[in-house]
């Protein structure tokens, strides 16, 4: 039996926030959408989450900065943080993974690629 997981999608683009939920909700996942770091941090401080899909290129606070902030806070050590990006040169993937991301998911996403990250 699969445990229902809470997923937070953090992206400044509304379409990019919507798509993961379209794939995950029918499978029993709960999906929260946030348009940036401030909204996400406010929500995460008061709610439990298993997985974060985090856009790299956002205004104000980048995904990389937010990931590093989450990794330094004991409350979020359990989080699986996935970089959610359209650009992923090998050296960038290496940087993100060494900076605290667990995996990298390329946009536009495919359902199979997304679901493989949850296994």
N, C-alpha and C. Protein backbone atom coordinates (compact mmCIF):
# COMPACT_ATOMS: atom_id res chain seq x y z
N UNK A 1 0.84 -1.19 0.00
CA UNK A 1 0.00 0.00 0.00
C UNK A 1 0.88 1.25 0.00
N UNK A 2 0.62 2.17 -0.92
CA UNK A 2 1.37 3.42 -0.98
C UNK A 2 0.84 4.39 0.06
N UNK A 3 1.76 5.07 0.72
CA UNK A 3 1.35 6.12 1.64
C UNK A 3 1.05 7.38 0.84
N UNK A 4 -0.01 8.08 1.21
CA UNK A 4 -0.31 9.34 0.54
C UNK A 4 0.76 10.33 0.95
N UNK A 5 1.29 11.01 -0.01
CA UNK A 5 2.36 11.96 0.25
C UNK A 5 1.90 13.37 -0.04
N UNK A 6 2.45 14.29 0.70
CA UNK A 6 2.22 15.72 0.48
C UNK A 6 3.37 16.26 -0.35
N UNK A 7 3.04 16.88 -1.47
CA UNK A 7 4.02 17.45 -2.37
C UNK A 7 3.77 18.95 -2.46
N UNK A 8 4.85 19.73 -2.43
CA UNK A 8 4.76 21.17 -2.64
C UNK A 8 5.51 21.49 -3.93
N UNK A 9 4.82 22.19 -4.83
CA UNK A 9 5.43 22.64 -6.08
C UNK A 9 5.66 24.14 -5.96
N UNK A 10 6.92 24.55 -6.06
CA UNK A 10 7.29 25.96 -5.90
C UNK A 10 7.84 26.45 -7.24
N UNK A 11 7.08 27.33 -7.88
CA UNK A 11 7.47 27.85 -9.19
C UNK A 11 6.75 29.16 -9.41
N UNK A 12 7.42 30.13 -9.99
CA UNK A 12 6.78 31.42 -10.24
C UNK A 12 5.88 31.38 -11.47
N UNK A 13 5.91 30.29 -12.26
CA UNK A 13 5.07 30.13 -13.43
C UNK A 13 3.88 29.24 -13.10
N UNK A 14 2.67 29.78 -13.27
CA UNK A 14 1.45 29.05 -12.88
C UNK A 14 1.28 27.73 -13.63
N UNK A 15 1.61 27.69 -14.90
CA UNK A 15 1.48 26.45 -15.68
C UNK A 15 2.42 25.39 -15.14
N UNK A 16 3.63 25.78 -14.80
CA UNK A 16 4.59 24.82 -14.26
C UNK A 16 4.19 24.31 -12.88
N UNK A 17 3.42 25.10 -12.15
CA UNK A 17 2.90 24.62 -10.85
C UNK A 17 1.74 23.64 -11.06
N UNK A 18 0.96 23.87 -12.08
CA UNK A 18 -0.26 23.08 -12.31
C UNK A 18 0.02 21.65 -12.77
N UNK A 19 0.97 21.48 -13.67
CA UNK A 19 1.18 20.19 -14.32
C UNK A 19 1.50 19.04 -13.35
N UNK A 20 2.41 19.20 -12.39
CA UNK A 20 2.66 18.07 -11.48
C UNK A 20 1.40 17.62 -10.74
N UNK A 21 0.57 18.57 -10.34
CA UNK A 21 -0.67 18.22 -9.66
C UNK A 21 -1.62 17.42 -10.53
N UNK A 22 -1.65 17.75 -11.81
CA UNK A 22 -2.51 17.00 -12.74
C UNK A 22 -2.08 15.53 -12.82
N UNK A 23 -0.80 15.29 -12.69
CA UNK A 23 -0.29 13.91 -12.71
C UNK A 23 -0.45 13.22 -11.35
N UNK A 24 -0.24 13.95 -10.26
CA UNK A 24 -0.15 13.34 -8.94
C UNK A 24 -1.47 13.19 -8.19
N UNK A 25 -2.34 14.18 -8.31
CA UNK A 25 -3.60 14.12 -7.54
C UNK A 25 -4.44 12.88 -7.84
N UNK A 26 -4.59 12.47 -9.11
CA UNK A 26 -5.38 11.26 -9.37
C UNK A 26 -4.78 9.99 -8.74
N UNK A 27 -3.50 10.05 -8.38
CA UNK A 27 -2.84 8.91 -7.75
C UNK A 27 -2.88 8.98 -6.23
N UNK A 28 -3.58 9.98 -5.69
CA UNK A 28 -3.76 10.08 -4.25
C UNK A 28 -2.80 11.02 -3.54
N UNK A 29 -1.98 11.72 -4.28
CA UNK A 29 -1.06 12.68 -3.67
C UNK A 29 -1.78 13.99 -3.41
N UNK A 30 -1.41 14.63 -2.33
CA UNK A 30 -1.90 15.97 -2.03
C UNK A 30 -0.84 16.94 -2.53
N UNK A 31 -1.25 17.95 -3.30
CA UNK A 31 -0.30 18.86 -3.93
C UNK A 31 -0.64 20.30 -3.56
N UNK A 32 0.34 20.98 -2.98
CA UNK A 32 0.23 22.40 -2.65
C UNK A 32 1.09 23.16 -3.66
N UNK A 33 0.54 24.25 -4.20
CA UNK A 33 1.28 25.07 -5.15
C UNK A 33 1.65 26.40 -4.49
N UNK A 34 2.92 26.80 -4.64
CA UNK A 34 3.41 28.07 -4.11
C UNK A 34 4.12 28.82 -5.24
N UNK A 35 3.92 30.15 -5.27
CA UNK A 35 4.50 30.92 -6.37
C UNK A 35 5.88 31.49 -6.06
N UNK A 36 6.44 31.16 -4.92
CA UNK A 36 7.78 31.64 -4.60
C UNK A 36 8.22 31.19 -3.22
N UNK A 37 9.44 31.59 -2.87
CA UNK A 37 10.05 31.14 -1.63
C UNK A 37 9.29 31.60 -0.39
N UNK A 38 8.85 32.85 -0.37
CA UNK A 38 8.17 33.36 0.82
C UNK A 38 6.90 32.57 1.11
N UNK A 39 6.06 32.39 0.09
CA UNK A 39 4.82 31.62 0.29
C UNK A 39 5.15 30.19 0.73
N UNK A 40 6.14 29.58 0.11
CA UNK A 40 6.50 28.21 0.44
C UNK A 40 6.99 28.09 1.89
N UNK A 41 7.87 28.99 2.30
CA UNK A 41 8.37 28.95 3.68
C UNK A 41 7.26 29.15 4.69
N UNK A 42 6.36 30.10 4.41
CA UNK A 42 5.23 30.33 5.31
C UNK A 42 4.39 29.06 5.44
N UNK A 43 4.13 28.37 4.35
CA UNK A 43 3.32 27.16 4.36
C UNK A 43 4.08 26.02 5.06
N UNK A 44 5.35 25.83 4.70
CA UNK A 44 6.13 24.73 5.26
C UNK A 44 6.31 24.84 6.77
N UNK A 45 6.34 26.04 7.30
CA UNK A 45 6.51 26.21 8.74
C UNK A 45 5.33 25.67 9.54
N UNK A 46 4.17 25.53 8.89
CA UNK A 46 2.95 25.12 9.59
C UNK A 46 2.33 23.83 9.06
N UNK A 47 2.97 23.21 8.07
CA UNK A 47 2.41 22.02 7.44
C UNK A 47 3.50 20.99 7.17
N UNK A 48 3.10 19.73 7.13
CA UNK A 48 4.05 18.66 6.83
C UNK A 48 4.10 18.45 5.32
N UNK A 49 5.29 18.12 4.83
CA UNK A 49 5.49 17.86 3.41
C UNK A 49 6.55 16.78 3.27
N UNK A 50 6.37 15.92 2.26
CA UNK A 50 7.35 14.86 1.99
C UNK A 50 8.33 15.26 0.89
N UNK A 51 7.79 15.91 -0.15
CA UNK A 51 8.57 16.19 -1.35
C UNK A 51 8.33 17.63 -1.79
N UNK A 52 9.42 18.30 -2.20
CA UNK A 52 9.33 19.64 -2.77
C UNK A 52 9.87 19.61 -4.18
N UNK A 53 9.06 20.06 -5.14
CA UNK A 53 9.53 20.32 -6.50
C UNK A 53 9.84 21.80 -6.54
N UNK A 54 11.09 22.16 -6.76
CA UNK A 54 11.54 23.53 -6.58
C UNK A 54 12.18 24.07 -7.84
N UNK A 55 11.53 25.06 -8.43
CA UNK A 55 12.07 25.73 -9.61
C UNK A 55 13.39 26.40 -9.25
N UNK A 56 14.35 26.32 -10.14
CA UNK A 56 15.66 26.92 -9.90
C UNK A 56 15.61 28.43 -10.14
N UNK A 57 14.99 28.84 -11.24
CA UNK A 57 15.02 30.26 -11.65
C UNK A 57 13.75 30.97 -11.22
N UNK A 58 13.81 31.60 -10.05
CA UNK A 58 12.68 32.38 -9.56
C UNK A 58 13.18 33.76 -9.16
N UNK A 59 12.30 34.76 -9.24
CA UNK A 59 12.72 36.10 -8.80
C UNK A 59 12.84 36.15 -7.27
N UNK A 60 13.58 37.11 -6.80
CA UNK A 60 13.77 37.39 -5.37
C UNK A 60 14.68 36.35 -4.70
N UNK A 61 14.19 35.12 -4.54
CA UNK A 61 14.98 34.05 -3.92
C UNK A 61 14.99 32.88 -4.90
N UNK A 62 16.17 32.49 -5.35
CA UNK A 62 16.27 31.40 -6.33
C UNK A 62 15.98 30.06 -5.65
N UNK A 63 15.71 29.07 -6.47
CA UNK A 63 15.51 27.73 -5.94
C UNK A 63 16.73 27.20 -5.22
N UNK A 64 17.90 27.52 -5.73
CA UNK A 64 19.14 27.10 -5.08
C UNK A 64 19.26 27.72 -3.69
N UNK A 65 18.96 29.01 -3.58
CA UNK A 65 19.01 29.68 -2.28
C UNK A 65 18.00 29.08 -1.30
N UNK A 66 16.77 28.82 -1.79
CA UNK A 66 15.75 28.25 -0.93
C UNK A 66 16.13 26.84 -0.49
N UNK A 67 16.66 26.04 -1.40
CA UNK A 67 17.09 24.69 -1.04
C UNK A 67 18.14 24.75 0.07
N UNK A 68 19.12 25.61 -0.08
CA UNK A 68 20.16 25.72 0.94
C UNK A 68 19.58 26.18 2.28
N UNK A 69 18.61 27.08 2.22
CA UNK A 69 17.96 27.54 3.46
C UNK A 69 17.21 26.40 4.13
N UNK A 70 16.48 25.61 3.35
CA UNK A 70 15.74 24.47 3.91
C UNK A 70 16.69 23.44 4.51
N UNK A 71 17.80 23.20 3.86
CA UNK A 71 18.76 22.19 4.33
C UNK A 71 19.43 22.58 5.64
N UNK A 72 19.46 23.87 5.97
CA UNK A 72 20.09 24.29 7.22
C UNK A 72 19.10 24.30 8.39
N UNK A 73 17.82 24.03 8.11
CA UNK A 73 16.79 24.05 9.15
C UNK A 73 16.42 22.62 9.52
N UNK A 74 16.64 22.25 10.78
CA UNK A 74 16.36 20.89 11.25
C UNK A 74 14.94 20.42 10.94
N UNK A 75 13.98 21.33 10.94
CA UNK A 75 12.58 20.94 10.69
C UNK A 75 12.39 20.33 9.30
N UNK A 76 13.29 20.63 8.38
CA UNK A 76 13.10 20.21 6.99
C UNK A 76 14.11 19.16 6.54
N UNK A 77 14.80 18.54 7.48
CA UNK A 77 15.83 17.56 7.10
C UNK A 77 15.24 16.33 6.41
N UNK A 78 14.00 16.02 6.68
CA UNK A 78 13.36 14.85 6.07
C UNK A 78 12.93 15.09 4.62
N UNK A 79 12.88 16.34 4.19
CA UNK A 79 12.35 16.67 2.87
C UNK A 79 13.18 16.09 1.73
N UNK A 80 12.49 15.57 0.75
CA UNK A 80 13.13 15.24 -0.52
C UNK A 80 12.93 16.47 -1.40
N UNK A 81 14.04 17.11 -1.79
CA UNK A 81 13.96 18.34 -2.58
C UNK A 81 14.46 18.06 -3.99
N UNK A 82 13.56 18.29 -4.94
CA UNK A 82 13.86 18.00 -6.34
C UNK A 82 13.94 19.31 -7.11
N UNK A 83 15.08 19.54 -7.76
CA UNK A 83 15.22 20.71 -8.63
C UNK A 83 14.31 20.51 -9.83
N UNK A 84 13.57 21.55 -10.16
CA UNK A 84 12.54 21.50 -11.20
C UNK A 84 12.90 22.60 -12.20
N UNK A 85 13.53 22.21 -13.33
CA UNK A 85 14.14 23.22 -14.19
C UNK A 85 14.11 22.85 -15.66
N UNK A 86 14.23 23.85 -16.50
CA UNK A 86 14.30 23.65 -17.94
C UNK A 86 15.74 23.55 -18.42
N UNK A 87 16.70 23.97 -17.61
CA UNK A 87 18.11 23.90 -18.00
C UNK A 87 18.86 22.97 -17.07
N UNK A 88 19.58 22.07 -17.67
CA UNK A 88 20.33 21.13 -16.83
C UNK A 88 21.56 20.62 -17.58
N UNK A 89 22.57 21.46 -17.66
CA UNK A 89 23.86 21.01 -18.16
C UNK A 89 24.47 20.11 -17.07
N UNK A 90 25.31 19.15 -17.45
CA UNK A 90 25.87 18.24 -16.43
C UNK A 90 26.52 18.96 -15.26
N UNK A 91 27.23 20.06 -15.51
CA UNK A 91 27.88 20.77 -14.40
C UNK A 91 26.85 21.45 -13.49
N UNK A 92 25.69 21.85 -14.06
CA UNK A 92 24.63 22.43 -13.24
C UNK A 92 24.00 21.37 -12.34
N UNK A 93 23.72 20.21 -12.92
CA UNK A 93 23.14 19.11 -12.13
C UNK A 93 24.07 18.77 -10.98
N UNK A 94 25.36 18.69 -11.25
CA UNK A 94 26.33 18.38 -10.20
C UNK A 94 26.32 19.46 -9.12
N UNK A 95 26.24 20.73 -9.51
CA UNK A 95 26.18 21.83 -8.54
C UNK A 95 24.94 21.71 -7.67
N UNK A 96 23.78 21.49 -8.30
CA UNK A 96 22.54 21.42 -7.54
C UNK A 96 22.56 20.25 -6.56
N UNK A 97 23.00 19.09 -7.02
CA UNK A 97 23.02 17.93 -6.14
C UNK A 97 24.02 18.12 -5.00
N UNK A 98 25.13 18.78 -5.26
CA UNK A 98 26.10 19.02 -4.19
C UNK A 98 25.64 20.15 -3.26
N UNK A 99 24.63 20.90 -3.67
CA UNK A 99 24.10 22.01 -2.87
C UNK A 99 22.87 21.63 -2.07
N UNK A 100 22.44 20.37 -2.16
CA UNK A 100 21.33 19.94 -1.31
C UNK A 100 20.13 19.33 -2.01
N UNK A 101 20.06 19.44 -3.33
CA UNK A 101 18.94 18.82 -4.05
C UNK A 101 19.16 17.32 -4.11
N UNK A 102 18.07 16.56 -4.00
CA UNK A 102 18.16 15.11 -4.08
C UNK A 102 18.20 14.62 -5.53
N UNK A 103 17.44 15.27 -6.39
CA UNK A 103 17.32 14.87 -7.79
C UNK A 103 17.03 16.11 -8.63
N UNK A 104 17.06 15.92 -9.96
CA UNK A 104 16.73 16.99 -10.90
C UNK A 104 15.66 16.47 -11.84
N UNK A 105 14.61 17.25 -12.02
CA UNK A 105 13.51 16.93 -12.94
C UNK A 105 13.46 18.00 -14.00
N UNK A 106 13.57 17.59 -15.25
CA UNK A 106 13.59 18.54 -16.35
C UNK A 106 12.19 18.91 -16.82
N UNK A 107 12.01 20.20 -17.12
CA UNK A 107 10.77 20.71 -17.74
C UNK A 107 10.97 20.68 -19.24
N UNK A 108 9.96 20.44 -20.02
CA UNK A 108 8.62 20.06 -19.57
C UNK A 108 8.65 18.63 -19.04
N UNK A 109 7.90 18.43 -17.96
CA UNK A 109 7.96 17.12 -17.32
C UNK A 109 7.08 16.10 -18.04
N UNK A 110 7.50 14.86 -17.87
CA UNK A 110 6.69 13.73 -18.33
C UNK A 110 6.25 12.97 -17.08
N UNK A 111 5.06 12.44 -17.14
CA UNK A 111 4.49 11.75 -15.99
C UNK A 111 5.41 10.65 -15.48
N UNK A 112 5.95 9.83 -16.37
CA UNK A 112 6.80 8.72 -15.95
C UNK A 112 8.06 9.20 -15.23
N UNK A 113 8.66 10.30 -15.74
CA UNK A 113 9.85 10.85 -15.09
C UNK A 113 9.53 11.36 -13.69
N UNK A 114 8.39 12.02 -13.56
CA UNK A 114 7.97 12.55 -12.26
C UNK A 114 7.73 11.41 -11.27
N UNK A 115 6.96 10.42 -11.68
CA UNK A 115 6.62 9.32 -10.78
C UNK A 115 7.84 8.49 -10.38
N UNK A 116 8.83 8.39 -11.26
CA UNK A 116 10.05 7.64 -10.94
C UNK A 116 10.79 8.25 -9.76
N UNK A 117 10.63 9.56 -9.55
CA UNK A 117 11.30 10.23 -8.44
C UNK A 117 10.66 9.92 -7.09
N UNK A 118 9.47 9.36 -7.10
CA UNK A 118 8.73 9.08 -5.87
C UNK A 118 8.94 7.65 -5.38
N UNK A 119 9.74 6.88 -6.08
CA UNK A 119 9.97 5.48 -5.69
C UNK A 119 11.13 5.37 -4.76
